[in-house]
Protein backbone atom coordinates (compact mmCIF):
# COMPACT_ATOMS: atom_id res chain seq x y z
CA UNK A 1 26.52 -124.48 67.26
CA UNK A 2 25.61 -121.22 66.13
CA UNK A 3 27.77 -118.48 64.43
CA UNK A 4 27.80 -115.05 63.90
CA UNK A 5 27.11 -113.16 60.60
CA UNK A 6 30.16 -111.66 59.39
CA UNK A 7 28.07 -108.04 59.08
CA UNK A 8 29.23 -106.44 61.97
CA UNK A 9 25.30 -105.18 62.74
CA UNK A 10 23.67 -108.78 62.63
CA UNK A 11 23.90 -110.65 65.94
CA UNK A 12 22.83 -114.25 66.88
CA UNK A 13 19.21 -114.97 66.48
CA UNK A 14 19.02 -118.49 68.07
CA UNK A 15 20.39 -121.14 69.33
CA UNK A 16 20.12 -125.01 70.07
CA UNK A 17 21.94 -124.94 72.55
CA UNK A 18 20.57 -121.89 74.70
CA UNK A 19 17.29 -121.22 72.64
CA UNK A 20 15.94 -117.71 71.04
CA UNK A 21 18.36 -114.73 71.53
CA UNK A 22 17.94 -111.35 72.06
CA UNK A 23 18.73 -108.89 69.41
CA UNK A 24 19.51 -105.91 72.38
CA UNK A 25 22.26 -107.75 74.02
CA UNK A 26 22.68 -110.78 72.89
CA UNK A 27 21.29 -112.98 75.50
CA UNK A 28 18.88 -115.69 75.72
CA UNK A 29 15.51 -114.36 75.75
CA UNK A 30 14.54 -115.14 79.40
CA UNK A 31 17.77 -113.24 80.80
CA UNK A 32 17.52 -110.52 78.53
CA UNK A 33 18.72 -107.42 79.94
CA UNK A 34 16.86 -105.40 77.87
CA UNK A 35 13.45 -105.99 79.56
CA UNK A 36 14.99 -104.12 82.53
CA UNK A 37 16.89 -100.80 80.82
CA UNK A 38 14.06 -99.58 78.98
CA UNK A 39 13.63 -95.43 78.56
CA UNK A 40 11.66 -94.14 81.10
CA UNK A 41 9.93 -90.91 79.91
CA UNK A 42 12.39 -87.58 80.98
CA UNK A 43 9.23 -84.79 81.10
CA UNK A 44 7.55 -86.92 84.26
CA UNK A 45 4.18 -85.95 82.14
CA UNK A 46 1.41 -89.46 81.96
CA UNK A 47 -0.38 -88.43 79.15
CA UNK A 48 -3.80 -89.89 78.02
CA UNK A 49 -5.30 -90.76 75.15
CA UNK A 50 -8.05 -92.67 72.98
CA UNK A 51 -7.45 -94.32 69.70
CA UNK A 52 -9.55 -96.49 67.53
CA UNK A 53 -6.83 -97.15 64.95
CA UNK A 54 -6.78 -100.42 63.88
CA UNK A 55 -9.08 -101.90 66.45
CA UNK A 56 -12.09 -102.33 64.13
CA UNK A 57 -13.56 -98.58 65.15
CA UNK A 58 -13.19 -100.44 69.25
CA UNK A 59 -12.33 -97.43 71.80
CA UNK A 60 -9.18 -97.86 74.04
CA UNK A 61 -7.90 -95.44 75.88
CA UNK A 62 -3.77 -95.43 75.83
CA UNK A 63 -1.49 -94.30 79.01
CA UNK A 64 1.66 -93.51 77.48
CA UNK A 65 4.84 -91.72 80.38
CA UNK A 66 4.57 -93.60 83.46
CA UNK A 67 7.86 -93.73 84.71
CA UNK A 68 7.64 -97.66 86.09
CA UNK A 69 9.78 -100.38 84.57
CA UNK A 70 8.36 -103.48 82.90
CA UNK A 71 6.71 -105.67 85.77
CA UNK A 72 6.11 -102.56 88.08
CA UNK A 73 3.68 -100.95 84.70
CA UNK A 74 2.24 -104.35 84.32
CA UNK A 75 0.95 -104.59 88.73
CA UNK A 76 -0.27 -101.26 88.63
CA UNK A 77 -2.04 -101.82 84.16
CA UNK A 78 -3.40 -104.59 86.52
CA UNK A 79 -4.95 -102.42 89.37
CA UNK A 80 -5.35 -99.42 86.58
CA UNK A 81 -8.16 -102.80 84.80
CA UNK A 82 -9.73 -103.34 87.67
CA UNK A 83 -10.29 -100.03 88.91
CA UNK A 84 -12.01 -99.07 85.09
CA UNK A 85 -13.86 -103.05 85.34
CA UNK A 86 -12.43 -103.24 81.83
CA UNK A 87 -9.32 -105.05 80.58
CA UNK A 88 -6.46 -104.42 78.10
CA UNK A 89 -3.11 -104.85 77.93
CA UNK A 90 0.88 -103.10 78.57
CA UNK A 91 2.78 -102.97 75.01
CA UNK A 92 5.80 -101.63 74.64
CA UNK A 93 5.42 -99.44 77.70
CA UNK A 94 2.00 -97.95 76.62
CA UNK A 95 -1.09 -99.54 78.69
CA UNK A 96 -3.85 -100.06 76.92
CA UNK A 97 -7.08 -100.23 78.24
CA UNK A 98 -10.26 -101.01 76.22
CA UNK A 99 -12.75 -98.00 75.86
CA UNK A 100 -13.10 -94.71 76.96
CA UNK A 101 -11.82 -94.70 80.85
CA UNK A 102 -10.62 -91.43 80.19
CA UNK A 103 -12.30 -89.23 83.35
CA UNK A 104 -11.25 -92.69 85.86
CA UNK A 105 -8.25 -92.73 85.17
CA UNK A 106 -7.12 -89.09 85.37
CA UNK A 107 -8.30 -89.14 88.67
CA UNK A 108 -6.95 -92.11 89.64
CA UNK A 109 -3.17 -90.72 87.93
CA UNK A 110 -3.96 -87.61 89.72
CA UNK A 111 -4.95 -89.12 93.42
CA UNK A 112 -1.55 -91.25 92.84
CA UNK A 113 0.88 -88.03 92.32
CA UNK A 114 1.02 -88.11 88.71
CA UNK A 115 0.64 -85.21 85.91
CA UNK A 116 -1.69 -86.27 83.94
CA UNK A 117 -2.22 -84.36 80.70
CA UNK A 118 -4.70 -85.24 77.73
CA UNK A 119 -3.49 -85.90 74.38
CA UNK A 120 -5.26 -86.73 71.66
CA UNK A 121 -8.91 -85.17 69.95
């Protein structure tokens, strides 16, 4: 049986009965309510930026500010990766696409009705 700590800011982390617990909503990791309620950006601008930091010099294109739920964001990222012919991933609501594909992505996002802005250098 799992017990909670006496501290008010700590929650149940793991239970032998139900497995790993989400620290945000204290539900099972599989039934986490936090995943569906991630904060959606308020300004409505999708930002494209190129970054190499922490990737051994390899550049990636980051797409930040897409107002989509995590499940739809993953599907949309798959479509964008296919348009670019490249790999990538979704991390913390930010779509990462390998390589510098800002021109292609800017046209694709603008054709889908998003306000696109290039950020960074």
